[in-house]
Amino acid sequence: MDTGTASNFLKMHDIKPSHHRIRVFQYLVERRNHPTVDVMFRDLVVEIPTLSKTTLYNTLNLFVEKGIVSLITIDENESRYDADTSLHGHLQCSNCGEVYDIGLRFSSIDFADLDKFQVEESHIYFRGICPRCLNEGDSHK
């Protein structure tokens, strides 16, 4: 995603497009790696030496508040971020720790019990072993 596109997207969501905000958003969209703050900071501080963790936390909180990034908490001790805000699930590999997007087929799920509710947020998480770890035979820690 180029800088102009990212800047326009942020403006459309009432977010002032500073250099830091643009780069954080580009990172999330381009990498799609469901990073933690520590991972993002380590990767971005190389190219943005003025980036602080406080700025990163504030930027991510703003993005979550504006609905352009989702907060993922599969593990209660770890927050991750996802720029794909469409309805989908996640699987965290209990061997390598990677988080993967999981497509969902809603036609085969019965949501009848939700008819009386106003759903504002949903999270579908799985834990297991990813195909890469299964193929490597490393499924035992």
Protein backbone atom coordinates (compact mmCIF):
# COMPACT_ATOMS: atom_id res chain seq x y z
CA MET A 1 0.00 0.00 0.00
CA ASP A 2 1.55 3.30 -1.04
CA THR A 3 1.76 6.32 1.25
CA GLY A 4 -0.96 8.28 -0.57
CA THR A 5 -3.45 5.42 -0.36
CA ALA A 6 -2.73 4.89 3.33
CA SER A 7 -3.02 8.62 4.01
CA ASN A 8 -6.38 8.84 2.22
CA PHE A 9 -7.68 5.78 4.06
CA LEU A 10 -6.76 7.30 7.42
CA LYS A 11 -8.41 10.61 6.47
CA MET A 12 -11.59 8.76 5.46
CA HIS A 13 -11.71 7.41 9.01
CA ASP A 14 -11.11 10.79 10.68
CA ILE A 15 -7.49 10.03 11.55
CA LYS A 16 -4.84 12.68 10.95
CA PRO A 17 -2.26 10.93 8.72
CA SER A 18 1.10 11.58 10.41
CA HIS A 19 4.21 9.79 9.15
CA HIS A 20 4.17 7.40 12.12
CA ARG A 21 0.48 6.56 11.68
CA ILE A 22 0.87 5.96 7.95
CA ARG A 23 3.85 3.63 8.46
CA VAL A 24 2.13 1.69 11.25
CA PHE A 25 -0.96 1.19 9.08
CA GLN A 26 1.12 0.22 6.04
CA TYR A 27 3.03 -2.28 8.18
CA LEU A 28 -0.19 -3.97 9.35
CA VAL A 29 -1.72 -4.09 5.87
CA GLU A 30 1.41 -5.28 4.09
CA ARG A 31 2.77 -7.80 6.60
CA ARG A 32 -0.53 -9.37 7.74
CA ASN A 33 1.49 -11.06 10.49
CA HIS A 34 -0.78 -10.27 13.47
CA PRO A 35 2.10 -8.62 15.32
CA THR A 36 2.50 -7.73 18.97
CA VAL A 37 3.61 -4.20 19.88
CA ASP A 38 7.10 -5.51 20.59
CA VAL A 39 7.40 -7.10 17.14
CA MET A 40 6.11 -3.98 15.40
CA PHE A 41 8.39 -1.72 17.42
CA ARG A 42 11.45 -3.85 16.67
CA ASP A 43 10.66 -3.83 12.94
CA LEU A 44 9.66 -0.16 12.60
CA VAL A 45 12.21 1.55 14.86
CA VAL A 46 14.93 0.61 12.35
CA GLU A 47 13.36 2.88 9.73
CA ILE A 48 11.75 5.35 12.17
CA PRO A 49 14.30 5.97 14.94
CA THR A 50 12.01 8.58 16.55
CA LEU A 51 9.24 6.01 17.09
CA SER A 52 8.48 5.31 20.76
CA LYS A 53 6.44 2.48 22.20
CA THR A 54 4.07 5.07 23.64
CA THR A 55 3.43 6.48 20.16
CA LEU A 56 2.93 2.98 18.83
CA TYR A 57 0.46 2.07 21.59
CA ASN A 58 -1.44 5.34 21.11
CA THR A 59 -1.57 4.82 17.34
CA LEU A 60 -2.83 1.25 17.65
CA ASN A 61 -5.43 2.24 20.26
CA LEU A 62 -6.67 4.99 17.91
CA PHE A 63 -6.87 2.52 15.01
CA VAL A 64 -8.85 0.05 17.14
CA GLU A 65 -11.15 2.85 18.37
CA LYS A 66 -11.81 3.97 14.77
CA GLY A 67 -12.47 0.38 13.69
CA ILE A 68 -9.68 0.08 11.10
CA VAL A 69 -7.68 -2.46 13.12
CA SER A 70 -8.84 -5.34 15.30
CA LEU A 71 -7.30 -6.27 18.62
CA ILE A 72 -6.66 -10.01 18.88
CA THR A 73 -6.26 -11.60 22.30
CA ILE A 74 -6.05 -15.35 21.76
CA ASP A 75 -3.55 -15.59 24.59
CA GLU A 76 -4.57 -13.44 27.58
CA ASN A 77 -0.93 -12.38 28.07
CA GLU A 78 -0.46 -11.14 24.52
CA SER A 79 -2.25 -8.55 22.39
CA ARG A 80 -1.90 -8.69 18.62
CA TYR A 81 -3.24 -6.45 15.88
CA ASP A 82 -4.95 -7.19 12.55
CA ALA A 83 -5.74 -4.71 9.77
CA ASP A 84 -8.22 -7.19 8.25
CA THR A 85 -11.44 -6.16 10.00
CA SER A 86 -13.66 -8.51 8.00
CA LEU A 87 -15.37 -11.26 9.97
CA HIS A 88 -12.93 -14.17 10.16
CA GLY A 89 -11.34 -16.43 12.72
CA HIS A 90 -7.78 -16.92 13.89
CA LEU A 91 -5.71 -19.95 14.80
CA GLN A 92 -2.59 -19.67 16.92
CA CYS A 93 -0.07 -22.46 16.51
CA SER A 94 0.84 -23.78 19.93
CA ASN A 95 4.24 -24.82 18.56
CA CYS A 96 5.62 -21.78 16.66
CA GLY A 97 3.23 -19.13 18.04
CA GLU A 98 2.22 -17.76 14.62
CA VAL A 99 -1.35 -16.54 14.19
CA TYR A 100 -3.19 -17.43 10.98
CA ASP A 101 -6.40 -16.07 9.45
CA ILE A 102 -9.16 -18.67 9.20
CA GLY A 103 -12.01 -18.17 6.73
CA LEU A 104 -15.48 -18.93 8.02
CA ARG A 105 -18.52 -20.31 6.17
CA PHE A 106 -21.47 -18.70 7.90
CA SER A 107 -24.05 -20.53 5.81
CA SER A 108 -23.45 -23.67 7.90
CA ILE A 109 -23.55 -21.94 11.30
CA ASP A 110 -26.87 -21.28 13.03
CA PHE A 111 -26.98 -17.86 14.66
CA ALA A 112 -30.64 -18.13 15.69
CA ASP A 113 -29.87 -17.56 19.38
CA LEU A 114 -28.42 -14.14 18.52
CA ASP A 115 -31.67 -12.81 17.02
CA LYS A 116 -32.60 -10.90 20.19
CA PHE A 117 -29.17 -9.33 20.61
CA GLN A 118 -27.27 -6.51 18.99
CA VAL A 119 -23.86 -7.99 18.26
CA GLU A 120 -21.17 -5.31 18.29
CA GLU A 121 -18.10 -7.50 18.21
CA SER A 122 -17.20 -11.15 17.67
CA HIS A 123 -14.06 -13.23 18.06
CA ILE A 124 -13.46 -16.77 16.93
CA TYR A 125 -10.15 -18.26 18.04
CA PHE A 126 -8.59 -21.66 17.69
CA ARG A 127 -5.38 -23.15 19.04
CA GLY A 128 -3.58 -26.04 17.39
CA ILE A 129 -0.61 -26.96 15.23
CA CYS A 130 -0.09 -25.18 11.90
CA PRO A 131 0.62 -27.12 8.68
CA ARG A 132 4.25 -25.95 8.60
CA CYS A 133 4.96 -27.33 12.08
CA LEU A 134 3.07 -30.53 11.29
CA ASN A 135 5.14 -31.02 8.14
CA GLU A 136 8.37 -30.35 10.02
CA GLY A 137 7.36 -32.89 12.68
CA ASP A 138 7.96 -30.32 15.42
CA SER A 139 4.54 -30.58 17.04
CA HIS A 140 6.07 -31.54 20.40
CA LYS A 141 7.70 -28.78 22.44
